[in-house]
Amino acid sequence: MDIHKEIDTRGLNCPLPILKAKKALAEMLSGQLLKVVATDTGSLKDFQAFAKQTGNELVQQDTVGSEYIHILRRR
């Protein structure tokens, strides 16, 4: 998978991971991939809702230890 941008939101709680992802996506081109690394357990559902609301595609979600990896494709 060709990740174009990665942001680290470890230690941040809702809504900060979403806000940082929204800002990063705004700076990206359509079709590019954004990887977000978070530690907020609520981010799993937050990113699912964010993708539905914004039209960006939630390509993948993984849990690695205490971290949550979200990959979004810019609409």
Protein backbone atom coordinates (compact mmCIF):
# COMPACT_ATOMS: atom_id res chain seq x y z
CA MET A 1 0.00 0.00 0.00
CA ASP A 2 1.42 3.37 -1.03
CA ILE A 3 0.88 5.72 1.93
CA HIS A 4 1.20 9.38 0.91
CA LYS A 5 1.02 10.93 4.38
CA GLU A 6 1.15 9.67 7.96
CA ILE A 7 0.08 11.47 11.11
CA ASP A 8 0.76 10.49 14.69
CA THR A 9 -2.12 11.18 17.08
CA ARG A 10 -0.90 8.97 19.92
CA GLY A 11 -1.96 10.32 23.30
CA LEU A 12 -4.70 12.52 21.82
CA ASN A 13 -8.35 11.92 22.59
CA CYS A 14 -11.50 12.56 20.57
CA PRO A 15 -12.00 14.78 18.64
CA LEU A 16 -8.32 15.64 18.04
CA PRO A 17 -7.37 12.57 15.92
CA ILE A 18 -10.33 13.29 13.61
CA LEU A 19 -9.54 17.00 13.40
CA LYS A 20 -5.90 16.32 12.54
CA ALA A 21 -6.95 13.76 9.92
CA LYS A 22 -9.42 16.21 8.41
CA LYS A 23 -6.70 18.86 8.12
CA ALA A 24 -4.24 16.39 6.58
CA LEU A 25 -6.81 15.13 4.05
CA ALA A 26 -7.56 18.71 2.97
CA GLU A 27 -3.91 19.06 1.93
CA MET A 28 -3.92 15.84 -0.11
CA LEU A 29 -4.97 14.97 -3.65
CA SER A 30 -7.94 12.78 -4.50
CA GLY A 31 -7.08 9.08 -4.24
CA GLN A 32 -4.07 9.55 -1.96
CA LEU A 33 -3.81 7.51 1.24
CA LEU A 34 -3.50 8.87 4.78
CA LYS A 35 -2.32 6.71 7.68
CA VAL A 36 -3.37 7.78 11.17
CA VAL A 37 -1.81 6.18 14.25
CA ALA A 38 -3.94 6.66 17.38
CA THR A 39 -4.17 5.37 20.95
CA ASP A 40 -7.76 6.50 21.61
CA THR A 41 -9.99 3.39 21.73
CA GLY A 42 -12.91 5.49 20.51
CA SER A 43 -11.04 6.25 17.29
CA LEU A 44 -12.21 2.95 15.75
CA LYS A 45 -15.84 4.07 15.66
CA ASP A 46 -14.92 7.74 15.19
CA PHE A 47 -13.08 7.06 11.92
CA GLN A 48 -15.87 4.83 10.64
CA ALA A 49 -18.38 7.64 11.21
CA PHE A 50 -15.97 10.25 9.82
CA ALA A 51 -15.56 8.29 6.57
CA LYS A 52 -19.34 7.96 6.12
CA GLN A 53 -19.94 11.65 6.81
CA THR A 54 -17.17 12.99 4.58
CA GLY A 55 -17.17 10.52 1.69
CA ASN A 56 -13.54 9.58 2.26
CA GLU A 57 -12.94 5.82 2.09
CA LEU A 58 -11.85 3.99 5.22
CA VAL A 59 -9.55 1.47 3.51
CA GLN A 60 -8.29 -0.38 6.58
CA GLN A 61 -8.31 -0.40 10.39
CA ASP A 62 -5.88 -2.44 12.47
CA THR A 63 -5.15 -2.79 16.17
CA VAL A 64 -1.48 -3.29 17.02
CA GLY A 65 -0.98 -3.62 20.75
CA SER A 66 -2.44 -0.45 22.25
CA GLU A 67 -2.36 1.45 18.94
CA TYR A 68 -5.04 1.82 16.30
CA ILE A 69 -4.05 2.24 12.67
CA HIS A 70 -6.53 3.90 10.31
CA ILE A 71 -5.95 4.22 6.56
CA LEU A 72 -8.15 6.62 4.65
CA ARG A 73 -8.35 7.34 0.92
CA ARG A 74 -8.99 10.98 0.04
CA ARG A 75 -12.20 11.37 -1.93
